């Protein structure tokens, strides 16, 4: 439907006997990308606003179009359905963000046995108690299913697969709930 987006727009010279190309195939790269952004940008913004932090939605839309413009498929062939291609890029972006959030969480996880107990330092004890209260309040604000999945993984030590079998969700569904819980707790604890 739309021609290659990164190749310079060159219109080959036609001889008298050559058939004319379809008009939608001879499109300048920058104009085609601008048109795509104008048509699909608002839809992607709504998509990301529902699935990620609203403040990051604009950046995710921009990143989607950057990936689209830099993709090998755009350089090497005509993309017949750019909307579907953009949808797949958007899904992959969210999946990549979720994986990196889980990795960051796992990297910063410290076992409760490894945390030194608060000693006679009363300020540290009060800060620790305050942090526990904020964490408990944040856990209670999670949706029940998300909280249940988070606690099953973090407290009971169940794997995502075991939780998925128990709850009737897919492993991806469990990952989604864990990502939501981790993001929420991270925001609360950073305050």
Protein backbone atom coordinates (compact mmCIF):
# COMPACT_ATOMS: atom_id res chain seq x y z
CA UNK A 1 0.00 0.00 0.00
CA UNK A 2 2.74 2.45 0.88
CA UNK A 3 6.22 2.38 -0.58
CA UNK A 4 9.54 2.15 1.16
CA UNK A 5 9.96 4.88 3.76
CA UNK A 6 13.69 5.42 3.94
CA UNK A 7 14.78 5.26 0.33
CA UNK A 8 14.92 8.62 -1.35
CA UNK A 9 11.92 9.26 -3.51
CA UNK A 10 13.02 8.56 -7.03
CA UNK A 11 10.56 8.32 -9.80
CA UNK A 12 11.95 6.10 -12.53
CA UNK A 13 11.74 7.41 -16.04
CA UNK A 14 9.05 5.71 -18.03
CA UNK A 15 9.23 4.74 -21.64
CA UNK A 16 6.22 4.91 -23.88
CA UNK A 17 5.56 1.15 -23.63
CA UNK A 18 5.97 0.93 -19.83
CA UNK A 19 2.81 0.51 -17.76
CA UNK A 20 2.16 3.24 -15.23
CA UNK A 21 2.75 2.29 -11.61
CA UNK A 22 -0.17 2.56 -9.20
CA UNK A 23 -0.28 6.06 -7.74
CA UNK A 24 -0.12 4.81 -4.17
CA UNK A 25 3.27 3.17 -4.82
CA UNK A 26 5.05 6.35 -5.89
CA UNK A 27 5.10 8.20 -2.59
CA UNK A 28 7.86 10.32 -1.12
CA UNK A 29 9.25 8.68 1.98
CA UNK A 30 8.90 11.67 4.29
CA UNK A 31 5.36 12.43 3.11
CA UNK A 32 4.27 8.82 3.58
CA UNK A 33 5.69 8.70 7.11
CA UNK A 34 4.06 12.06 7.93
CA UNK A 35 0.72 10.76 6.67
CA UNK A 36 1.09 7.58 8.70
CA UNK A 37 1.91 9.60 11.81
CA UNK A 38 -1.06 11.89 11.27
CA UNK A 39 -3.44 8.96 10.76
CA UNK A 40 -2.13 6.42 13.29
CA UNK A 41 -0.34 8.60 15.85
CA UNK A 42 -3.47 9.52 17.86
CA UNK A 43 -4.63 5.89 17.90
CA UNK A 44 -1.24 4.72 19.17
CA UNK A 45 -1.26 7.48 21.79
CA UNK A 46 -4.59 6.19 23.11
CA UNK A 47 -3.27 2.61 23.02
CA UNK A 48 -0.18 3.50 25.05
CA UNK A 49 -2.13 5.74 27.43
CA UNK A 50 -4.28 2.77 28.40
CA UNK A 51 -1.39 0.35 28.83
CA UNK A 52 1.49 2.44 30.22
CA UNK A 53 2.05 5.61 32.20
CA UNK A 54 0.32 8.49 30.45
CA UNK A 55 3.47 10.57 30.73
CA UNK A 56 5.37 7.98 28.67
CA UNK A 57 2.72 7.53 25.97
CA UNK A 58 4.07 10.26 23.68
CA UNK A 59 7.59 8.86 23.91
CA UNK A 60 6.30 5.39 23.09
CA UNK A 61 4.47 6.68 20.01
CA UNK A 62 7.64 8.41 18.87
CA UNK A 63 9.70 5.27 19.50
CA UNK A 64 7.18 3.21 17.52
CA UNK A 65 7.57 5.42 14.47
CA UNK A 66 11.36 5.50 14.83
CA UNK A 67 11.42 1.69 14.88
CA UNK A 68 9.02 1.64 11.95
CA UNK A 69 11.16 4.02 9.90
CA UNK A 70 14.40 2.20 10.75
CA UNK A 71 13.06 -1.31 10.19
CA UNK A 72 14.53 -3.54 7.52
CA UNK A 73 11.04 -4.19 6.17
CA UNK A 74 10.66 -0.51 5.29
CA UNK A 75 14.00 -0.43 3.55
CA UNK A 76 13.74 -3.65 1.58
CA UNK A 77 10.11 -3.99 0.58
CA UNK A 78 6.73 -2.39 0.39
CA UNK A 79 4.67 -2.69 3.55
CA UNK A 80 1.17 -3.68 2.53
CA UNK A 81 -0.47 -2.99 5.89
CA UNK A 82 1.52 -0.40 7.85
CA UNK A 83 -1.17 -0.21 10.55
CA UNK A 84 -0.66 -3.87 11.47
CA UNK A 85 3.10 -3.39 11.39
CA UNK A 86 2.82 -0.40 13.75
CA UNK A 87 0.53 -2.41 16.05
CA UNK A 88 3.13 -5.17 16.28
CA UNK A 89 5.87 -2.63 17.01
CA UNK A 90 3.72 -1.08 19.76
CA UNK A 91 3.05 -4.49 21.32
CA UNK A 92 6.74 -5.35 21.22
CA UNK A 93 7.65 -2.02 22.83
CA UNK A 94 5.32 -2.69 25.76
CA UNK A 95 6.61 -6.25 26.07
CA UNK A 96 10.21 -5.00 26.11
CA UNK A 97 9.37 -2.44 28.80
CA UNK A 98 7.64 -5.06 30.95
CA UNK A 99 10.62 -7.41 30.68
CA UNK A 100 13.07 -4.68 31.62
CA UNK A 101 10.89 -3.67 34.61
CA UNK A 102 10.90 -7.26 35.85
CA UNK A 103 14.68 -7.48 35.36
CA UNK A 104 15.21 -4.22 37.29
CA UNK A 105 12.99 -5.50 40.06
CA UNK A 106 14.80 -8.81 40.27
CA UNK A 107 18.17 -7.06 40.25
CA UNK A 108 17.19 -4.85 43.17
CA UNK A 109 15.46 -7.62 45.15
CA UNK A 110 17.04 -8.34 48.51
CA UNK A 111 16.00 -11.35 50.58
CA UNK A 112 14.45 -10.45 53.93
CA UNK A 113 17.12 -12.54 55.71
CA UNK A 114 19.85 -10.36 54.18
CA UNK A 115 18.45 -7.10 55.52
CA UNK A 116 20.07 -6.10 58.78
CA UNK A 117 17.65 -5.61 61.63
CA UNK A 118 17.16 -2.09 62.88
CA UNK A 119 19.25 -1.56 66.00
CA UNK A 120 18.97 1.06 68.66
CA UNK A 121 18.77 3.81 65.99
CA UNK A 122 15.24 5.08 66.60
CA UNK A 123 15.16 7.23 63.43
CA UNK A 124 16.03 4.23 61.28
CA UNK A 125 13.40 2.16 63.08
CA UNK A 126 10.75 4.82 62.44
CA UNK A 127 11.77 5.11 58.79
CA UNK A 128 11.62 1.33 58.40
CA UNK A 129 8.18 1.21 60.02
CA UNK A 130 7.00 4.08 57.79
CA UNK A 131 8.28 2.28 54.72
CA UNK A 132 6.51 -0.93 55.74
CA UNK A 133 3.28 1.00 56.31
CA UNK A 134 3.54 2.64 52.89
CA UNK A 135 4.27 -0.74 51.31
CA UNK A 136 1.30 -2.35 53.03
CA UNK A 137 -0.99 0.52 52.00
CA UNK A 138 0.27 0.27 48.42
CA UNK A 139 -0.35 -3.49 48.40
CA UNK A 140 -3.90 -2.95 49.61
CA UNK A 141 -4.54 -0.46 46.77
CA UNK A 142 -3.73 -3.10 44.16
CA UNK A 143 -6.60 -4.95 42.58
CA UNK A 144 -7.23 -8.20 44.48
CA UNK A 145 -6.14 -10.47 41.64
CA UNK A 146 -2.93 -8.46 41.04
CA UNK A 147 -2.16 -8.45 44.78
CA UNK A 148 -2.81 -12.20 45.02
CA UNK A 149 -0.49 -12.94 42.10
CA UNK A 150 2.25 -10.64 43.44
CA UNK A 151 2.15 -12.19 46.91
CA UNK A 152 2.04 -15.73 45.51
CA UNK A 153 5.23 -15.04 43.59
CA UNK A 154 7.12 -12.92 46.12
CA UNK A 155 5.99 -14.50 49.41
CA UNK A 156 5.08 -18.05 48.48
CA UNK A 157 7.87 -18.37 45.92
CA UNK A 158 5.64 -19.75 43.17
CA UNK A 159 6.79 -19.51 39.57
CA UNK A 160 4.76 -17.65 36.96
CA UNK A 161 3.78 -20.98 35.43
CA UNK A 162 2.51 -22.35 38.77
CA UNK A 163 0.54 -19.17 39.41
CA UNK A 164 -0.93 -19.34 35.89
CA UNK A 165 -2.08 -22.93 36.45
CA UNK A 166 -3.66 -22.06 39.81
CA UNK A 167 -5.39 -18.89 38.66
CA UNK A 168 -6.45 -20.00 35.19
CA UNK A 169 -4.50 -17.18 33.53
CA UNK A 170 -1.83 -17.45 30.88
CA UNK A 171 1.81 -16.93 31.83
CA UNK A 172 1.66 -13.62 29.93
CA UNK A 173 -1.33 -12.62 32.05
CA UNK A 174 0.64 -13.38 35.21
CA UNK A 175 3.56 -11.34 33.85
CA UNK A 176 1.19 -8.45 33.16
CA UNK A 177 -0.17 -8.50 36.73
CA UNK A 178 3.37 -8.70 38.17
CA UNK A 179 4.47 -5.75 36.05
CA UNK A 180 1.49 -3.70 37.21
CA UNK A 181 2.20 -4.55 40.85
CA UNK A 182 5.92 -3.82 40.59
CA UNK A 183 5.35 -0.51 38.82
CA UNK A 184 2.79 0.56 41.41
CA UNK A 185 4.99 -0.38 44.37
CA UNK A 186 8.02 1.24 42.78
CA UNK A 187 6.14 4.53 42.33
CA UNK A 188 4.90 4.46 45.93
CA UNK A 189 8.32 3.70 47.39
CA UNK A 190 10.07 6.39 45.32
CA UNK A 191 7.88 9.11 46.87
